[in-house]
PDB file of all heavy atoms in Angstrom:
ATOM      1  N   GLN A   1       1.569 -10.137  -0.766  1.00  0.00           N
ATOM      2  CA  GLN A   1       1.622 -11.094  -1.858  1.00  0.00           C
ATOM      3  C   GLN A   1       0.961 -12.392  -1.436  1.00  0.00           C
ATOM      4  O   GLN A   1       1.377 -13.028  -0.467  1.00  0.00           O
ATOM      5  CB  GLN A   1       3.065 -11.358  -2.286  1.00  0.00           C
ATOM      6  CG  GLN A   1       3.177 -12.179  -3.557  1.00  0.00           C
ATOM      7  CD  GLN A   1       4.560 -12.112  -4.168  1.00  0.00           C
ATOM      8  OE1 GLN A   1       5.544 -11.859  -3.478  1.00  0.00           O
ATOM      9  NE2 GLN A   1       4.642 -12.325  -5.464  1.00  0.00           N
ATOM     10  N   ALA A   2      -0.073 -12.745  -2.156  1.00  0.00           N
ATOM     11  CA  ALA A   2      -0.763 -14.005  -1.950  1.00  0.00           C
ATOM     12  C   ALA A   2      -0.176 -15.054  -2.886  1.00  0.00           C
ATOM     13  O   ALA A   2       0.396 -14.720  -3.925  1.00  0.00           O
ATOM     14  CB  ALA A   2      -2.255 -13.837  -2.201  1.00  0.00           C
ATOM     15  N   PRO A   3      -0.311 -16.333  -2.552  1.00  0.00           N
ATOM     16  CA  PRO A   3       0.240 -17.386  -3.415  1.00  0.00           C
ATOM     17  C   PRO A   3      -0.278 -17.294  -4.842  1.00  0.00           C
ATOM     18  O   PRO A   3      -1.481 -17.168  -5.073  1.00  0.00           O
ATOM     19  CB  PRO A   3      -0.229 -18.674  -2.741  1.00  0.00           C
ATOM     20  CG  PRO A   3      -0.402 -18.305  -1.311  1.00  0.00           C
ATOM     21  CD  PRO A   3      -0.912 -16.890  -1.331  1.00  0.00           C
ATOM     22  N   GLY A   4       0.640 -17.326  -5.794  1.00  0.00           N
ATOM     23  CA  GLY A   4       0.280 -17.283  -7.197  1.00  0.00           C
ATOM     24  C   GLY A   4      -0.111 -15.927  -7.724  1.00  0.00           C
ATOM     25  O   GLY A   4      -0.519 -15.825  -8.882  1.00  0.00           O
ATOM     26  N   LYS A   5       0.013 -14.885  -6.909  1.00  0.00           N
ATOM     27  CA  LYS A   5      -0.378 -13.548  -7.332  1.00  0.00           C
ATOM     28  C   LYS A   5       0.808 -12.596  -7.263  1.00  0.00           C
ATOM     29  O   LYS A   5       1.806 -12.860  -6.597  1.00  0.00           O
ATOM     30  CB  LYS A   5      -1.520 -13.024  -6.461  1.00  0.00           C
ATOM     31  CG  LYS A   5      -2.807 -13.812  -6.597  1.00  0.00           C
ATOM     32  CD  LYS A   5      -3.941 -13.158  -5.832  1.00  0.00           C
ATOM     33  CE  LYS A   5      -5.240 -13.902  -6.034  1.00  0.00           C
ATOM     34  NZ  LYS A   5      -6.359 -13.262  -5.291  1.00  0.00           N
ATOM     35  N   GLU A   6       0.675 -11.478  -7.966  1.00  0.00           N
ATOM     36  CA  GLU A   6       1.707 -10.457  -7.957  1.00  0.00           C
ATOM     37  C   GLU A   6       1.749  -9.752  -6.612  1.00  0.00           C
ATOM     38  O   GLU A   6       0.766  -9.706  -5.877  1.00  0.00           O
ATOM     39  CB  GLU A   6       1.450  -9.426  -9.059  1.00  0.00           C
ATOM     40  CG  GLU A   6       1.568  -9.961 -10.467  1.00  0.00           C
ATOM     41  CD  GLU A   6       1.352  -8.877 -11.506  1.00  0.00           C
ATOM     42  OE1 GLU A   6       0.659  -7.881 -11.196  1.00  0.00           O
ATOM     43  OE2 GLU A   6       1.879  -9.017 -12.616  1.00  0.00           O
ATOM     44  N   ARG A   7       2.909  -9.193  -6.319  1.00  0.00           N
ATOM     45  CA  ARG A   7       3.029  -8.368  -5.137  1.00  0.00           C
ATOM     46  C   ARG A   7       2.181  -7.113  -5.318  1.00  0.00           C
ATOM     47  O   ARG A   7       2.279  -6.414  -6.327  1.00  0.00           O
ATOM     48  CB  ARG A   7       4.487  -8.010  -4.880  1.00  0.00           C
ATOM     49  CG  ARG A   7       4.721  -7.329  -3.546  1.00  0.00           C
ATOM     50  CD  ARG A   7       6.180  -7.430  -3.139  1.00  0.00           C
ATOM     51  NE  ARG A   7       6.579  -8.811  -2.882  1.00  0.00           N
ATOM     52  CZ  ARG A   7       7.717  -9.159  -2.300  1.00  0.00           C
ATOM     53  NH1 ARG A   7       8.581  -8.232  -1.916  1.00  0.00           N
ATOM     54  NH2 ARG A   7       8.006 -10.446  -2.125  1.00  0.00           N
ATOM     55  N   GLU A   8       1.364  -6.806  -4.326  1.00  0.00           N
ATOM     56  CA  GLU A   8       0.368  -5.752  -4.420  1.00  0.00           C
ATOM     57  C   GLU A   8       0.681  -4.631  -3.436  1.00  0.00           C
ATOM     58  O   GLU A   8       0.942  -4.880  -2.256  1.00  0.00           O
ATOM     59  CB  GLU A   8      -1.028  -6.319  -4.136  1.00  0.00           C
ATOM     60  CG  GLU A   8      -2.142  -5.293  -4.163  1.00  0.00           C
ATOM     61  CD  GLU A   8      -3.472  -5.863  -3.713  1.00  0.00           C
ATOM     62  OE1 GLU A   8      -3.486  -6.935  -3.066  1.00  0.00           O
ATOM     63  OE2 GLU A   8      -4.510  -5.246  -4.015  1.00  0.00           O
ATOM     64  N   PHE A   9       0.615  -3.404  -3.923  1.00  0.00           N
ATOM     65  CA  PHE A   9       0.789  -2.242  -3.065  1.00  0.00           C
ATOM     66  C   PHE A   9      -0.375  -2.120  -2.100  1.00  0.00           C
ATOM     67  O   PHE A   9      -1.540  -2.241  -2.487  1.00  0.00           O
ATOM     68  CB  PHE A   9       0.891  -0.976  -3.917  1.00  0.00           C
ATOM     69  CG  PHE A   9       0.905   0.283  -3.108  1.00  0.00           C
ATOM     70  CD1 PHE A   9       2.048   0.693  -2.446  1.00  0.00           C
ATOM     71  CD2 PHE A   9      -0.233   1.064  -3.001  1.00  0.00           C
ATOM     72  CE1 PHE A   9       2.071   1.851  -1.698  1.00  0.00           C
ATOM     73  CE2 PHE A   9      -0.225   2.227  -2.261  1.00  0.00           C
ATOM     74  CZ  PHE A   9       0.935   2.616  -1.607  1.00  0.00           C
ATOM     75  N   VAL A  10      -0.065  -1.847  -0.848  1.00  0.00           N
ATOM     76  CA  VAL A  10      -1.082  -1.709   0.181  1.00  0.00           C
ATOM     77  C   VAL A  10      -1.187  -0.272   0.676  1.00  0.00           C
ATOM     78  O   VAL A  10      -2.265   0.321   0.679  1.00  0.00           O
ATOM     79  CB  VAL A  10      -0.808  -2.661   1.364  1.00  0.00           C
ATOM     80  CG1 VAL A  10      -1.819  -2.429   2.487  1.00  0.00           C
ATOM     81  CG2 VAL A  10      -0.854  -4.109   0.896  1.00  0.00           C
ATOM     82  N   ALA A  11      -0.066   0.298   1.115  1.00  0.00           N
ATOM     83  CA  ALA A  11      -0.093   1.637   1.686  1.00  0.00           C
ATOM     84  C   ALA A  11       1.318   2.184   1.756  1.00  0.00           C
ATOM     85  O   ALA A  11       2.293   1.435   1.773  1.00  0.00           O
ATOM     86  CB  ALA A  11      -0.727   1.633   3.078  1.00  0.00           C
ATOM     87  N   ALA A  12       1.427   3.510   1.805  1.00  0.00           N
ATOM     88  CA  ALA A  12       2.711   4.185   1.928  1.00  0.00           C
ATOM     89  C   ALA A  12       2.557   5.401   2.820  1.00  0.00           C
ATOM     90  O   ALA A  12       1.469   5.982   2.932  1.00  0.00           O
ATOM     91  CB  ALA A  12       3.244   4.609   0.561  1.00  0.00           C
ATOM     92  N   ILE A  13       3.657   5.805   3.428  1.00  0.00           N
ATOM     93  CA  ILE A  13       3.670   6.980   4.281  1.00  0.00           C
ATOM     94  C   ILE A  13       4.980   7.718   4.088  1.00  0.00           C
ATOM     95  O   ILE A  13       6.044   7.107   3.944  1.00  0.00           O
ATOM     96  CB  ILE A  13       3.427   6.597   5.760  1.00  0.00           C
ATOM     97  CG1 ILE A  13       3.192   7.834   6.622  1.00  0.00           C
ATOM     98  CG2 ILE A  13       4.573   5.740   6.298  1.00  0.00           C
ATOM     99  CD1 ILE A  13       2.608   7.496   7.991  1.00  0.00           C
ATOM    100  N   SER A  14       4.907   9.038   4.067  1.00  0.00           N
ATOM    101  CA  SER A  14       6.082   9.861   3.831  1.00  0.00           C
ATOM    102  C   SER A  14       6.979   9.892   5.055  1.00  0.00           C
ATOM    103  O   SER A  14       6.644   9.374   6.125  1.00  0.00           O
ATOM    104  CB  SER A  14       5.671  11.283   3.446  1.00  0.00           C
ATOM    105  OG  SER A  14       4.929  11.902   4.485  1.00  0.00           O
ATOM    106  N   ARG A  15       8.132  10.522   4.888  1.00  0.00           N
ATOM    107  CA  ARG A  15       9.141  10.500   5.948  1.00  0.00           C
ATOM    108  C   ARG A  15       8.651  11.064   7.275  1.00  0.00           C
ATOM    109  O   ARG A  15       8.949  10.502   8.339  1.00  0.00           O
ATOM    110  CB  ARG A  15      10.392  11.257   5.491  1.00  0.00           C
ATOM    111  CG  ARG A  15      11.155  10.565   4.363  1.00  0.00           C
ATOM    112  CD  ARG A  15      12.404  11.356   3.989  1.00  0.00           C
ATOM    113  NE  ARG A  15      12.075  12.648   3.410  1.00  0.00           N
ATOM    114  CZ  ARG A  15      11.847  12.860   2.129  1.00  0.00           C
ATOM    115  NH1 ARG A  15      11.939  11.843   1.261  1.00  0.00           N
ATOM    116  NH2 ARG A  15      11.547  14.069   1.695  1.00  0.00           N
ATOM    117  N   ASP A  16       7.891  12.140   7.208  1.00  0.00           N
ATOM    118  CA  ASP A  16       7.393  12.755   8.437  1.00  0.00           C
ATOM    119  C   ASP A  16       5.959  12.361   8.754  1.00  0.00           C
ATOM    120  O   ASP A  16       5.376  12.880   9.713  1.00  0.00           O
ATOM    121  CB  ASP A  16       7.518  14.271   8.373  1.00  0.00           C
ATOM    122  CG  ASP A  16       6.663  14.890   7.284  1.00  0.00           C
ATOM    123  OD1 ASP A  16       6.026  14.156   6.516  1.00  0.00           O
ATOM    124  OD2 ASP A  16       6.642  16.133   7.199  1.00  0.00           O
ATOM    125  N   GLY A  17       5.384  11.470   7.969  1.00  0.00           N
ATOM    126  CA  GLY A  17       4.035  11.015   8.206  1.00  0.00           C
ATOM    127  C   GLY A  17       2.945  11.929   7.698  1.00  0.00           C
ATOM    128  O   GLY A  17       1.760  11.635   7.916  1.00  0.00           O
ATOM    129  N   SER A  18       3.301  13.005   7.014  1.00  0.00           N
ATOM    130  CA  SER A  18       2.312  13.978   6.594  1.00  0.00           C
ATOM    131  C   SER A  18       1.527  13.558   5.358  1.00  0.00           C
ATOM    132  O   SER A  18       0.449  14.094   5.107  1.00  0.00           O
ATOM    133  CB  SER A  18       2.969  15.335   6.351  1.00  0.00           C
ATOM    134  OG  SER A  18       3.911  15.262   5.295  1.00  0.00           O
ATOM    135  N   ILE A  19       2.054  12.624   4.581  1.00  0.00           N
ATOM    136  CA  ILE A  19       1.395  12.165   3.374  1.00  0.00           C
ATOM    137  C   ILE A  19       1.198  10.661   3.470  1.00  0.00           C
ATOM    138  O   ILE A  19       2.135   9.921   3.789  1.00  0.00           O
ATOM    139  CB  ILE A  19       2.203  12.500   2.110  1.00  0.00           C
ATOM    140  CG1 ILE A  19       2.506  14.002   2.045  1.00  0.00           C
ATOM    141  CG2 ILE A  19       1.446  12.070   0.860  1.00  0.00           C
ATOM    142  CD1 ILE A  19       3.472  14.374   0.939  1.00  0.00           C
ATOM    143  N   ARG A  20      -0.016  10.224   3.190  1.00  0.00           N
ATOM    144  CA  ARG A  20      -0.317   8.800   3.202  1.00  0.00           C
ATOM    145  C   ARG A  20      -1.043   8.423   1.923  1.00  0.00           C
ATOM    146  O   ARG A  20      -1.863   9.180   1.404  1.00  0.00           O
ATOM    147  CB  ARG A  20      -1.156   8.421   4.424  1.00  0.00           C
ATOM    148  CG  ARG A  20      -0.378   8.540   5.728  1.00  0.00           C
ATOM    149  CD  ARG A  20      -1.151   8.004   6.901  1.00  0.00           C
ATOM    150  NE  ARG A  20      -2.206   8.915   7.303  1.00  0.00           N
ATOM    151  CZ  ARG A  20      -2.865   8.806   8.450  1.00  0.00           C
ATOM    152  NH1 ARG A  20      -2.572   7.820   9.293  1.00  0.00           N
ATOM    153  NH2 ARG A  20      -3.819   9.672   8.748  1.00  0.00           N
ATOM    154  N   LEU A  21      -0.730   7.245   1.433  1.00  0.00           N
ATOM    155  CA  LEU A  21      -1.313   6.714   0.219  1.00  0.00           C
ATOM    156  C   LEU A  21      -1.772   5.290   0.505  1.00  0.00           C
ATOM    157  O   LEU A  21      -1.034   4.512   1.114  1.00  0.00           O
ATOM    158  CB  LEU A  21      -0.288   6.735  -0.912  1.00  0.00           C
ATOM    159  CG  LEU A  21      -0.707   6.259  -2.298  1.00  0.00           C
ATOM    160  CD1 LEU A  21      -1.754   7.199  -2.877  1.00  0.00           C
ATOM    161  CD2 LEU A  21       0.506   6.183  -3.207  1.00  0.00           C
ATOM    162  N   THR A  22      -2.974   4.958   0.077  1.00  0.00           N
ATOM    163  CA  THR A  22      -3.548   3.647   0.353  1.00  0.00           C
ATOM    164  C   THR A  22      -4.051   3.017  -0.937  1.00  0.00           C
ATOM    165  O   THR A  22      -4.668   3.685  -1.764  1.00  0.00           O
ATOM    166  CB  THR A  22      -4.703   3.758   1.356  1.00  0.00           C
ATOM    167  OG1 THR A  22      -4.283   4.509   2.502  1.00  0.00           O
ATOM    168  CG2 THR A  22      -5.153   2.384   1.814  1.00  0.00           C
ATOM    169  N   GLY A  23      -3.777   1.746  -1.097  1.00  0.00           N
ATOM    170  CA  GLY A  23      -4.251   1.031  -2.266  1.00  0.00           C
ATOM    171  C   GLY A  23      -5.766   0.930  -2.296  1.00  0.00           C
ATOM    172  O   GLY A  23      -6.432   0.884  -1.261  1.00  0.00           O
ATOM    173  N   ASP A  24      -6.304   0.892  -3.503  1.00  0.00           N
ATOM    174  CA  ASP A  24      -7.753   0.896  -3.671  1.00  0.00           C
ATOM    175  C   ASP A  24      -8.429  -0.279  -2.965  1.00  0.00           C
ATOM    176  O   ASP A  24      -9.529  -0.137  -2.430  1.00  0.00           O
ATOM    177  CB  ASP A  24      -8.119   0.880  -5.151  1.00  0.00           C
ATOM    178  CG  ASP A  24      -7.771   2.174  -5.859  1.00  0.00           C
ATOM    179  OD1 ASP A  24      -7.571   3.198  -5.182  1.00  0.00           O
ATOM    180  OD2 ASP A  24      -7.702   2.157  -7.105  1.00  0.00           O
ATOM    181  N   SER A  25      -7.790  -1.429  -2.972  1.00  0.00           N
ATOM    182  CA  SER A  25      -8.414  -2.626  -2.422  1.00  0.00           C
ATOM    183  C   SER A  25      -8.553  -2.593  -0.905  1.00  0.00           C
ATOM    184  O   SER A  25      -9.336  -3.373  -0.348  1.00  0.00           O
ATOM    185  CB  SER A  25      -7.636  -3.872  -2.843  1.00  0.00           C
ATOM    186  OG  SER A  25      -6.323  -3.851  -2.319  1.00  0.00           O
ATOM    187  N   VAL A  26      -7.812  -1.712  -0.246  1.00  0.00           N
ATOM    188  CA  VAL A  26      -7.857  -1.656   1.209  1.00  0.00           C
ATOM    189  C   VAL A  26      -8.304  -0.305   1.734  1.00  0.00           C
ATOM    190  O   VAL A  26      -8.383  -0.117   2.955  1.00  0.00           O
ATOM    191  CB  VAL A  26      -6.493  -2.029   1.824  1.00  0.00           C
ATOM    192  CG1 VAL A  26      -6.055  -3.406   1.358  1.00  0.00           C
ATOM    193  CG2 VAL A  26      -5.437  -0.983   1.479  1.00  0.00           C
ATOM    194  N   LYS A  27      -8.609   0.619   0.839  1.00  0.00           N
ATOM    195  CA  LYS A  27      -9.007   1.962   1.241  1.00  0.00           C
ATOM    196  C   LYS A  27     -10.251   1.910   2.118  1.00  0.00           C
ATOM    197  O   LYS A  27     -11.227   1.237   1.803  1.00  0.00           O
ATOM    198  CB  LYS A  27      -9.238   2.822   0.005  1.00  0.00           C
ATOM    199  CG  LYS A  27      -9.209   4.315   0.257  1.00  0.00           C
ATOM    200  CD  LYS A  27      -9.049   5.079  -1.058  1.00  0.00           C
ATOM    201  CE  LYS A  27      -7.692   4.790  -1.696  1.00  0.00           C
ATOM    202  NZ  LYS A  27      -7.480   5.538  -2.957  1.00  0.00           N
TER     203      LYS A  27
END
C-alpha cells in the first residue's frame, strides 16, 4: 500500500508452496 492508494495484491503461495500467484504489476 502506497500513500493515498488502495492496498494492492502482490503475490500468494499455497500451503505447501505448490501454487503461486503473482499480481500483474510485479509479474
